[in-house]
PDB file of N, CA and C in Angstrom:
ATOM      1  N   UNK A   1      -8.839  77.329  40.337  1.00  0.00           N
ATOM      2  CA  UNK A   1      -7.512  76.967  40.724  1.00  0.00           C
ATOM      3  C   UNK A   1      -6.890  78.112  41.503  1.00  0.00           C
ATOM      4  N   UNK A   2      -5.996  77.801  42.482  1.00  0.00           N
ATOM      5  CA  UNK A   2      -5.361  78.820  43.311  1.00  0.00           C
ATOM      6  C   UNK A   2      -4.328  79.607  42.536  1.00  0.00           C
ATOM      7  N   UNK A   3      -4.173  80.844  42.900  1.00  0.00           N
ATOM      8  CA  UNK A   3      -3.175  81.690  42.256  1.00  0.00           C
ATOM      9  C   UNK A   3      -1.798  81.308  42.763  1.00  0.00           C
ATOM     10  N   UNK A   4      -0.835  81.290  41.855  1.00  0.00           N
ATOM     11  CA  UNK A   4       0.535  80.929  42.205  1.00  0.00           C
ATOM     12  C   UNK A   4       1.397  82.172  42.044  1.00  0.00           C
ATOM     13  N   UNK A   5       2.059  82.575  43.109  1.00  0.00           N
ATOM     14  CA  UNK A   5       2.886  83.780  43.082  1.00  0.00           C
ATOM     15  C   UNK A   5       4.327  83.373  43.320  1.00  0.00           C
ATOM     16  N   UNK A   6       5.216  83.791  42.415  1.00  0.00           N
ATOM     17  CA  UNK A   6       6.644  83.528  42.587  1.00  0.00           C
ATOM     18  C   UNK A   6       7.220  84.579  43.530  1.00  0.00           C
ATOM     19  N   UNK A   7       7.923  84.132  44.572  1.00  0.00           N
ATOM     20  CA  UNK A   7       8.532  85.067  45.500  1.00  0.00           C
ATOM     21  C   UNK A   7       9.999  84.737  45.671  1.00  0.00           C
ATOM     22  N   UNK A   8      10.773  85.754  45.967  1.00  0.00           N
ATOM     23  CA  UNK A   8      12.193  85.592  46.251  1.00  0.00           C
ATOM     24  C   UNK A   8      12.398  85.962  47.714  1.00  0.00           C
ATOM     25  N   UNK A   9      12.675  84.981  48.592  1.00  0.00           N
ATOM     26  CA  UNK A   9      12.768  85.279  50.012  1.00  0.00           C
ATOM     27  C   UNK A   9      13.883  86.258  50.358  1.00  0.00           C
ATOM     28  N   UNK A  10      14.900  86.386  49.498  1.00  0.00           N
ATOM     29  CA  UNK A  10      15.982  87.319  49.773  1.00  0.00           C
ATOM     30  C   UNK A  10      15.539  88.773  49.600  1.00  0.00           C
ATOM     31  N   UNK A  11      14.551  89.010  48.747  1.00  0.00           N
ATOM     32  CA  UNK A  11      14.138  90.372  48.445  1.00  0.00           C
ATOM     33  C   UNK A  11      12.736  90.715  48.934  1.00  0.00           C
ATOM     34  N   UNK A  12      11.967  89.733  49.301  1.00  0.00           N
ATOM     35  CA  UNK A  12      10.593  89.978  49.737  1.00  0.00           C
ATOM     36  C   UNK A  12      10.527  90.037  51.258  1.00  0.00           C
ATOM     37  N   UNK A  13      10.415  91.221  51.793  1.00  0.00           N
ATOM     38  CA  UNK A  13      10.246  91.409  53.229  1.00  0.00           C
ATOM     39  C   UNK A  13       8.915  92.116  53.417  1.00  0.00           C
ATOM     40  N   UNK A  14       8.009  91.446  54.127  1.00  0.00           N
ATOM     41  CA  UNK A  14       6.666  91.965  54.319  1.00  0.00           C
ATOM     42  C   UNK A  14       6.520  92.469  55.745  1.00  0.00           C
ATOM     43  N   UNK A  15       5.785  93.549  55.898  1.00  0.00           N
ATOM     44  CA  UNK A  15       5.444  94.029  57.240  1.00  0.00           C
ATOM     45  C   UNK A  15       4.264  93.210  57.755  1.00  0.00           C
ATOM     46  N   UNK A  16       3.985  93.334  59.036  1.00  0.00           N
ATOM     47  CA  UNK A  16       2.835  92.623  59.614  1.00  0.00           C
ATOM     48  C   UNK A  16       1.531  93.065  58.954  1.00  0.00           C
ATOM     49  N   UNK A  17       1.443  94.349  58.638  1.00  0.00           N
ATOM     50  CA  UNK A  17       0.230  94.862  58.001  1.00  0.00           C
ATOM     51  C   UNK A  17       0.050  94.260  56.605  1.00  0.00           C
ATOM     52  N   UNK A  18       1.156  94.149  55.851  1.00  0.00           N
ATOM     53  CA  UNK A  18       1.072  93.563  54.506  1.00  0.00           C
ATOM     54  C   UNK A  18       0.694  92.088  54.575  1.00  0.00           C
ATOM     55  N   UNK A  19       1.285  91.353  55.536  1.00  0.00           N
ATOM     56  CA  UNK A  19       0.942  89.935  55.686  1.00  0.00           C
ATOM     57  C   UNK A  19      -0.515  89.769  56.085  1.00  0.00           C
ATOM     58  N   UNK A  20      -1.001  90.640  56.960  1.00  0.00           N
ATOM     59  CA  UNK A  20      -2.404  90.592  57.359  1.00  0.00           C
ATOM     60  C   UNK A  20      -3.304  90.864  56.177  1.00  0.00           C
ATOM     61  N   UNK A  21      -2.943  91.858  55.366  1.00  0.00           N
ATOM     62  CA  UNK A  21      -3.736  92.192  54.182  1.00  0.00           C
ATOM     63  C   UNK A  21      -3.767  91.028  53.192  1.00  0.00           C
ATOM     64  N   UNK A  22      -2.608  90.390  52.988  1.00  0.00           N
ATOM     65  CA  UNK A  22      -2.554  89.234  52.079  1.00  0.00           C
ATOM     66  C   UNK A  22      -3.402  88.073  52.615  1.00  0.00           C
ATOM     67  N   UNK A  23      -3.330  87.845  53.918  1.00  0.00           N
ATOM     68  CA  UNK A  23      -4.090  86.741  54.509  1.00  0.00           C
ATOM     69  C   UNK A  23      -5.590  86.985  54.402  1.00  0.00           C
ATOM     70  N   UNK A  24      -6.012  88.215  54.650  1.00  0.00           N
ATOM     71  CA  UNK A  24      -7.440  88.525  54.579  1.00  0.00           C
ATOM     72  C   UNK A  24      -7.951  88.531  53.141  1.00  0.00           C
ATOM     73  N   UNK A  25      -7.067  88.823  52.178  1.00  0.00           N
ATOM     74  CA  UNK A  25      -7.477  88.860  50.778  1.00  0.00           C
ATOM     75  C   UNK A  25      -7.484  87.465  50.145  1.00  0.00           C
ATOM     76  N   UNK A  26      -6.867  86.497  50.786  1.00  0.00           N
ATOM     77  CA  UNK A  26      -6.790  85.150  50.221  1.00  0.00           C
ATOM     78  C   UNK A  26      -8.163  84.496  50.207  1.00  0.00           C
ATOM     79  N   UNK A  27      -8.375  83.655  49.223  1.00  0.00           N
ATOM     80  CA  UNK A  27      -9.644  82.937  49.083  1.00  0.00           C
ATOM     81  C   UNK A  27      -9.578  81.653  49.910  1.00  0.00           C
ATOM     82  N   UNK A  28     -10.368  81.534  50.981  1.00  0.00           N
ATOM     83  CA  UNK A  28     -10.314  80.332  51.807  1.00  0.00           C
ATOM     84  C   UNK A  28     -10.857  79.092  51.110  1.00  0.00           C
ATOM     85  N   UNK A  29     -11.619  79.289  50.046  1.00  0.00           N
ATOM     86  CA  UNK A  29     -12.197  78.155  49.335  1.00  0.00           C
ATOM     87  C   UNK A  29     -11.420  77.787  48.077  1.00  0.00           C
ATOM     88  N   UNK A  30     -10.245  78.370  47.886  1.00  0.00           N
ATOM     89  CA  UNK A  30      -9.449  78.081  46.692  1.00  0.00           C
ATOM     90  C   UNK A  30      -8.975  76.627  46.727  1.00  0.00           C
ATOM     91  N   UNK A  31      -8.970  76.000  45.575  1.00  0.00           N
ATOM     92  CA  UNK A  31      -8.499  74.615  45.491  1.00  0.00           C
ATOM     93  C   UNK A  31      -6.983  74.604  45.362  1.00  0.00           C
ATOM     94  N   UNK A  32      -6.390  73.509  45.789  1.00  0.00           N
ATOM     95  CA  UNK A  32      -4.947  73.370  45.708  1.00  0.00           C
ATOM     96  C   UNK A  32      -4.538  72.946  44.303  1.00  0.00           C
ATOM     97  N   UNK A  33      -3.340  73.342  43.914  1.00  0.00           N
ATOM     98  CA  UNK A  33      -2.788  72.904  42.635  1.00  0.00           C
ATOM     99  C   UNK A  33      -2.522  71.400  42.696  1.00  0.00           C
ATOM    100  N   UNK A  34      -2.463  70.765  41.529  1.00  0.00           N
ATOM    101  CA  UNK A  34      -2.217  69.324  41.475  1.00  0.00           C
ATOM    102  C   UNK A  34      -0.834  68.957  42.008  1.00  0.00           C
ATOM    103  N   UNK A  35       0.129  69.866  41.909  1.00  0.00           N
ATOM    104  CA  UNK A  35       1.487  69.560  42.354  1.00  0.00           C
ATOM    105  C   UNK A  35       1.783  70.118  43.759  1.00  0.00           C
ATOM    106  N   UNK A  36       0.739  70.479  44.512  1.00  0.00           N
ATOM    107  CA  UNK A  36       0.931  71.019  45.856  1.00  0.00           C
ATOM    108  C   UNK A  36       1.463  69.930  46.789  1.00  0.00           C
ATOM    109  N   UNK A  37       2.395  70.318  47.667  1.00  0.00           N
ATOM    110  CA  UNK A  37       3.021  69.395  48.612  1.00  0.00           C
ATOM    111  C   UNK A  37       2.742  69.913  50.026  1.00  0.00           C
ATOM    112  N   UNK A  38       2.263  69.068  50.935  1.00  0.00           N
ATOM    113  CA  UNK A  38       2.044  69.538  52.301  1.00  0.00           C
ATOM    114  C   UNK A  38       3.373  69.919  52.958  1.00  0.00           C
ATOM    115  N   UNK A  39       3.353  70.933  53.816  1.00  0.00           N
ATOM    116  CA  UNK A  39       4.580  71.374  54.466  1.00  0.00           C
ATOM    117  C   UNK A  39       5.225  70.263  55.286  1.00  0.00           C
ATOM    118  N   UNK A  40       4.401  69.455  55.942  1.00  0.00           N
ATOM    119  CA  UNK A  40       4.966  68.390  56.766  1.00  0.00           C
ATOM    120  C   UNK A  40       5.767  67.407  55.920  1.00  0.00           C
ATOM    121  N   UNK A  41       5.277  67.064  54.761  1.00  0.00           N
ATOM    122  CA  UNK A  41       6.001  66.139  53.896  1.00  0.00           C
ATOM    123  C   UNK A  41       7.171  66.790  53.192  1.00  0.00           C
ATOM    124  N   UNK A  42       7.110  68.104  53.009  1.00  0.00           N
ATOM    125  CA  UNK A  42       8.156  68.783  52.268  1.00  0.00           C
ATOM    126  C   UNK A  42       9.459  68.882  53.045  1.00  0.00           C
ATOM    127  N   UNK A  43       9.369  69.029  54.367  1.00  0.00           N
ATOM    128  CA  UNK A  43      10.592  69.207  55.147  1.00  0.00           C
ATOM    129  C   UNK A  43      10.827  68.093  56.139  1.00  0.00           C
ATOM    130  N   UNK A  44      10.107  67.024  56.066  1.00  0.00           N
ATOM    131  CA  UNK A  44      10.370  65.843  56.872  1.00  0.00           C
ATOM    132  C   UNK A  44      10.177  66.008  58.368  1.00  0.00           C
ATOM    133  N   UNK A  45       9.061  66.535  58.798  1.00  0.00           N
ATOM    134  CA  UNK A  45       8.810  66.696  60.229  1.00  0.00           C
ATOM    135  C   UNK A  45       8.636  65.336  60.882  1.00  0.00           C
ATOM    136  N   UNK A  46       9.186  65.204  62.079  1.00  0.00           N
ATOM    137  CA  UNK A  46       9.087  63.946  62.817  1.00  0.00           C
ATOM    138  C   UNK A  46       8.072  64.033  63.947  1.00  0.00           C
ATOM    139  N   UNK A  47       7.411  65.152  64.102  1.00  0.00           N
ATOM    140  CA  UNK A  47       6.470  65.316  65.197  1.00  0.00           C
ATOM    141  C   UNK A  47       5.310  66.194  64.786  1.00  0.00           C
ATOM    142  N   UNK A  48       4.625  66.769  65.771  1.00  0.00           N
ATOM    143  CA  UNK A  48       3.456  67.592  65.455  1.00  0.00           C
ATOM    144  C   UNK A  48       3.810  68.936  64.818  1.00  0.00           C
ATOM    145  N   UNK A  49       5.069  69.371  64.932  1.00  0.00           N
ATOM    146  CA  UNK A  49       5.492  70.631  64.328  1.00  0.00           C
ATOM    147  C   UNK A  49       6.502  70.369  63.219  1.00  0.00           C
ATOM    148  N   UNK A  50       6.470  71.158  62.152  1.00  0.00           N
ATOM    149  CA  UNK A  50       7.452  70.975  61.086  1.00  0.00           C
ATOM    150  C   UNK A  50       8.851  71.361  61.563  1.00  0.00           C
ATOM    151  N   UNK A  51       9.878  70.784  60.959  1.00  0.00           N
ATOM    152  CA  UNK A  51      11.250  71.026  61.391  1.00  0.00           C
ATOM    153  C   UNK A  51      11.668  72.483  61.244  1.00  0.00           C
ATOM    154  N   UNK A  52      11.125  73.197  60.257  1.00  0.00           N
ATOM    155  CA  UNK A  52      11.514  74.597  60.107  1.00  0.00           C
ATOM    156  C   UNK A  52      10.970  75.447  61.241  1.00  0.00           C
ATOM    157  N   UNK A  53       9.937  74.981  61.947  1.00  0.00           N
ATOM    158  CA  UNK A  53       9.362  75.734  63.056  1.00  0.00           C
ATOM    159  C   UNK A  53      10.091  75.410  64.361  1.00  0.00           C
ATOM    160  N   UNK A  54      10.241  74.140  64.633  1.00  0.00           N
ATOM    161  CA  UNK A  54      10.924  73.712  65.843  1.00  0.00           C
ATOM    162  C   UNK A  54      11.556  72.350  65.571  1.00  0.00           C
ATOM    163  N   UNK A  55      12.881  72.255  65.646  1.00  0.00           N
ATOM    164  CA  UNK A  55      13.529  70.977  65.362  1.00  0.00           C
ATOM    165  C   UNK A  55      13.111  69.898  66.359  1.00  0.00           C
ATOM    166  N   UNK A  56      13.159  68.673  65.904  1.00  0.00           N
ATOM    167  CA  UNK A  56      12.810  67.552  66.775  1.00  0.00           C
ATOM    168  C   UNK A  56      13.839  67.433  67.891  1.00  0.00           C
ATOM    169  N   UNK A  57      13.385  66.959  69.036  1.00  0.00           N
ATOM    170  CA  UNK A  57      14.302  66.784  70.158  1.00  0.00           C
ATOM    171  C   UNK A  57      15.220  65.606  69.897  1.00  0.00           C
ATOM    172  N   UNK A  58      16.381  65.644  70.505  1.00  0.00           N
ATOM    173  CA  UNK A  58      17.326  64.544  70.358  1.00  0.00           C
ATOM    174  C   UNK A  58      17.574  63.931  71.731  1.00  0.00           C
ATOM    175  N   UNK A  59      17.900  62.674  71.720  1.00  0.00           N
ATOM    176  CA  UNK A  59      18.184  61.962  72.955  1.00  0.00           C
ATOM    177  C   UNK A  59      19.684  61.728  73.022  1.00  0.00           C
ATOM    178  N   UNK A  60      20.269  62.131  74.135  1.00  0.00           N
ATOM    179  CA  UNK A  60      21.701  61.923  74.321  1.00  0.00           C
ATOM    180  C   UNK A  60      21.905  60.896  75.417  1.00  0.00           C
ATOM    181  N   UNK A  61      22.563  59.821  75.109  1.00  0.00           N
ATOM    182  CA  UNK A  61      22.853  58.792  76.105  1.00  0.00           C
ATOM    183  C   UNK A  61      24.151  59.150  76.804  1.00  0.00           C
ATOM    184  N   UNK A  62      24.068  59.424  78.099  1.00  0.00           N
ATOM    185  CA  UNK A  62      25.253  59.796  78.867  1.00  0.00           C
ATOM    186  C   UNK A  62      25.693  58.671  79.795  1.00  0.00           C
ATOM    187  N   UNK A  63      25.042  57.555  79.720  1.00  0.00           N
ATOM    188  CA  UNK A  63      25.389  56.463  80.611  1.00  0.00           C
ATOM    189  C   UNK A  63      24.389  56.341  81.745  1.00  0.00           C
ATOM    190  N   UNK A  64      24.539  55.317  82.534  1.00  0.00           N
ATOM    191  CA  UNK A  64      23.584  55.040  83.594  1.00  0.00           C
ATOM    192  C   UNK A  64      23.822  55.816  84.868  1.00  0.00           C
ATOM    193  N   UNK A  65      24.997  56.433  85.042  1.00  0.00           N
ATOM    194  CA  UNK A  65      25.318  57.134  86.285  1.00  0.00           C
ATOM    195  C   UNK A  65      24.359  58.292  86.531  1.00  0.00           C
ATOM    196  N   UNK A  66      24.071  59.065  85.517  1.00  0.00           N
ATOM    197  CA  UNK A  66      23.176  60.217  85.684  1.00  0.00           C
ATOM    198  C   UNK A  66      21.763  59.753  86.048  1.00  0.00           C
ATOM    199  N   UNK A  67      21.297  58.689  85.421  1.00  0.00           N
ATOM    200  CA  UNK A  67      19.964  58.171  85.718  1.00  0.00           C
ATOM    201  C   UNK A  67      19.892  57.645  87.149  1.00  0.00           C
ATOM    202  N   UNK A  68      20.936  57.026  87.626  1.00  0.00           N
ATOM    203  CA  UNK A  68      20.962  56.499  88.994  1.00  0.00           C
ATOM    204  C   UNK A  68      20.926  57.642  89.998  1.00  0.00           C
ATOM    205  N   UNK A  69      21.679  58.704  89.735  1.00  0.00           N
ATOM    206  CA  UNK A  69      21.690  59.858  90.642  1.00  0.00           C
ATOM    207  C   UNK A  69      20.306  60.494  90.723  1.00  0.00           C
ATOM    208  N   UNK A  70      19.670  60.680  89.576  1.00  0.00           N
ATOM    209  CA  UNK A  70      18.327  61.270  89.543  1.00  0.00           C
ATOM    210  C   UNK A  70      17.343  60.366  90.275  1.00  0.00           C
ATOM    211  N   UNK A  71      17.432  59.062  90.072  1.00  0.00           N
ATOM    212  CA  UNK A  71      16.523  58.122  90.740  1.00  0.00           C
ATOM    213  C   UNK A  71      16.718  58.159  92.248  1.00  0.00           C
ATOM    214  N   UNK A  72      17.953  58.265  92.723  1.00  0.00           N
ATOM    215  CA  UNK A  72      18.226  58.316  94.163  1.00  0.00           C
ATOM    216  C   UNK A  72      17.632  59.590  94.773  1.00  0.00           C
ATOM    217  N   UNK A  73      17.760  60.710  94.081  1.00  0.00           N
ATOM    218  CA  UNK A  73      17.201  61.971  94.589  1.00  0.00           C
ATOM    219  C   UNK A  73      15.681  61.878  94.675  1.00  0.00           C
ATOM    220  N   UNK A  74      15.052  61.361  93.635  1.00  0.00           N
ATOM    221  CA  UNK A  74      13.588  61.262  93.620  1.00  0.00           C
ATOM    222  C   UNK A  74      13.095  60.318  94.708  1.00  0.00           C
ATOM    223  N   UNK A  75      13.728  59.167  94.840  1.00  0.00           N
ATOM    224  CA  UNK A  75      13.322  58.205  95.868  1.00  0.00           C
ATOM    225  C   UNK A  75      13.532  58.800  97.259  1.00  0.00           C
ATOM    226  N   UNK A  76      14.624  59.533  97.456  1.00  0.00           N
ATOM    227  CA  UNK A  76      14.885  60.168  98.758  1.00  0.00           C
ATOM    228  C   UNK A  76      13.783  61.155  99.107  1.00  0.00           C
ATOM    229  N   UNK A  77      13.384  61.982  98.148  1.00  0.00           N
ATOM    230  CA  UNK A  77      12.320  62.947  98.404  1.00  0.00           C
ATOM    231  C   UNK A  77      10.997  62.254  98.690  1.00  0.00           C
ATOM    232  N   UNK A  78      10.707  61.178  97.984  1.00  0.00           N
ATOM    233  CA  UNK A  78       9.470  60.433  98.238  1.00  0.00           C
ATOM    234  C   UNK A  78       9.470  59.794  99.622  1.00  0.00           C
ATOM    235  N   UNK A  79      10.611  59.281 100.072  1.00  0.00           N
ATOM    236  CA  UNK A  79      10.717  58.674 101.400  1.00  0.00           C
ATOM    237  C   UNK A  79      10.520  59.738 102.476  1.00  0.00           C
ATOM    238  N   UNK A  80      11.110  60.927 102.262  1.00  0.00           N
ATOM    239  CA  UNK A  80      10.950  62.017 103.236  1.00  0.00           C
ATOM    240  C   UNK A  80       9.488  62.408 103.356  1.00  0.00           C
ATOM    241  N   UNK A  81       8.809  62.568 102.242  1.00  0.00           N
ATOM    242  CA  UNK A  81       7.395  62.958 102.255  1.00  0.00           C
ATOM    243  C   UNK A  81       6.533  61.846 102.847  1.00  0.00           C
ATOM    244  N   UNK A  82       6.808  60.600 102.496  1.00  0.00           N
ATOM    245  CA  UNK A  82       6.026  59.476 103.024  1.00  0.00           C
ATOM    246  C   UNK A  82       6.223  59.311 104.528  1.00  0.00           C
ATOM    247  N   UNK A  83       7.349  59.757 105.059  1.00  0.00           N
ATOM    248  CA  UNK A  83       7.626  59.659 106.493  1.00  0.00           C
ATOM    249  C   UNK A  83       6.930  60.748 107.290  1.00  0.00           C
ATOM    250  N   UNK A  84       6.302  61.695 106.605  1.00  0.00           N
ATOM    251  CA  UNK A  84       5.575  62.752 107.298  1.00  0.00           C
ATOM    252  C   UNK A  84       6.385  64.010 107.487  1.00  0.00           C
ATOM    253  N   UNK A  85       7.475  64.128 106.787  1.00  0.00           N
ATOM    254  CA  UNK A  85       8.306  65.320 106.885  1.00  0.00           C
ATOM    255  C   UNK A  85       8.104  66.200 105.650  1.00  0.00           C
ATOM    256  N   UNK A  86       8.527  67.458 105.768  1.00  0.00           N
ATOM    257  CA  UNK A  86       8.425  68.409 104.671  1.00  0.00           C
ATOM    258  C   UNK A  86       9.815  68.975 104.405  1.00  0.00           C
ATOM    259  N   UNK A  87      10.213  69.036 103.168  1.00  0.00           N
ATOM    260  CA  UNK A  87      11.527  69.563 102.806  1.00  0.00           C
ATOM    261  C   UNK A  87      11.391  70.588 101.677  1.00  0.00           C
ATOM    262  N   UNK A  88      10.258  71.289 101.673  1.00  0.00           N
ATOM    263  CA  UNK A  88       9.952  72.203 100.590  1.00  0.00           C
ATOM    264  C   UNK A  88      10.996  73.296 100.439  1.00  0.00           C
ATOM    265  N   UNK A  89      11.423  73.909 101.521  1.00  0.00           N
ATOM    266  CA  UNK A  89      12.360  75.032 101.441  1.00  0.00           C
ATOM    267  C   UNK A  89      13.800  74.624 101.756  1.00  0.00           C
ATOM    268  N   UNK A  90      14.084  73.329 101.691  1.00  0.00           N
ATOM    269  CA  UNK A  90      15.432  72.844 101.941  1.00  0.00           C
ATOM    270  C   UNK A  90      15.717  72.548 103.402  1.00  0.00           C
ATOM    271  N   UNK A  91      14.751  72.798 104.268  1.00  0.00           N
ATOM    272  CA  UNK A  91      14.898  72.525 105.695  1.00  0.00           C
ATOM    273  C   UNK A  91      13.930  71.405 106.044  1.00  0.00           C
ATOM    274  N   UNK A  92      14.457  70.368 106.655  1.00  0.00           N
ATOM    275  CA  UNK A  92      13.622  69.219 107.010  1.00  0.00           C
ATOM    276  C   UNK A  92      12.762  69.577 108.233  1.00  0.00           C
ATOM    277  N   UNK A  93      11.451  69.548 108.066  1.00  0.00           N
ATOM    278  CA  UNK A  93      10.503  69.885 109.128  1.00  0.00           C
ATOM    279  C   UNK A  93       9.410  68.816 109.201  1.00  0.00           C
ATOM    280  N   UNK A  94       8.754  68.754 110.343  1.00  0.00           N
ATOM    281  CA  UNK A  94       7.619  67.843 110.494  1.00  0.00           C
ATOM    282  C   UNK A  94       6.423  68.507 109.834  1.00  0.00           C
ATOM    283  N   UNK A  95       5.741  67.791 108.987  1.00  0.00           N
ATOM    284  CA  UNK A  95       4.628  68.366 108.244  1.00  0.00           C
ATOM    285  C   UNK A  95       3.377  68.465 109.063  1.00  0.00           C
TER     286      UNK A  95
END
């Protein structure tokens, strides 16, 4: 069975060397305790990363005006390129 160590996050500050030493000393073949909980289930991650590492992205609906403006810019650039022009540096030139 795996060793269980009680820690107090307010008082336990480890250096990189101490964390490395603890990681190298750990038994990779140790079995999990019966009451072990996966980190993903413990903090309710909604994606590939747990919420404590990187919060899930949120979607903000600002209305259709912003989407229309972005679509017009993209379509304009595609029309310029399809017409044989180049606007890479902000100056319209023949490609």
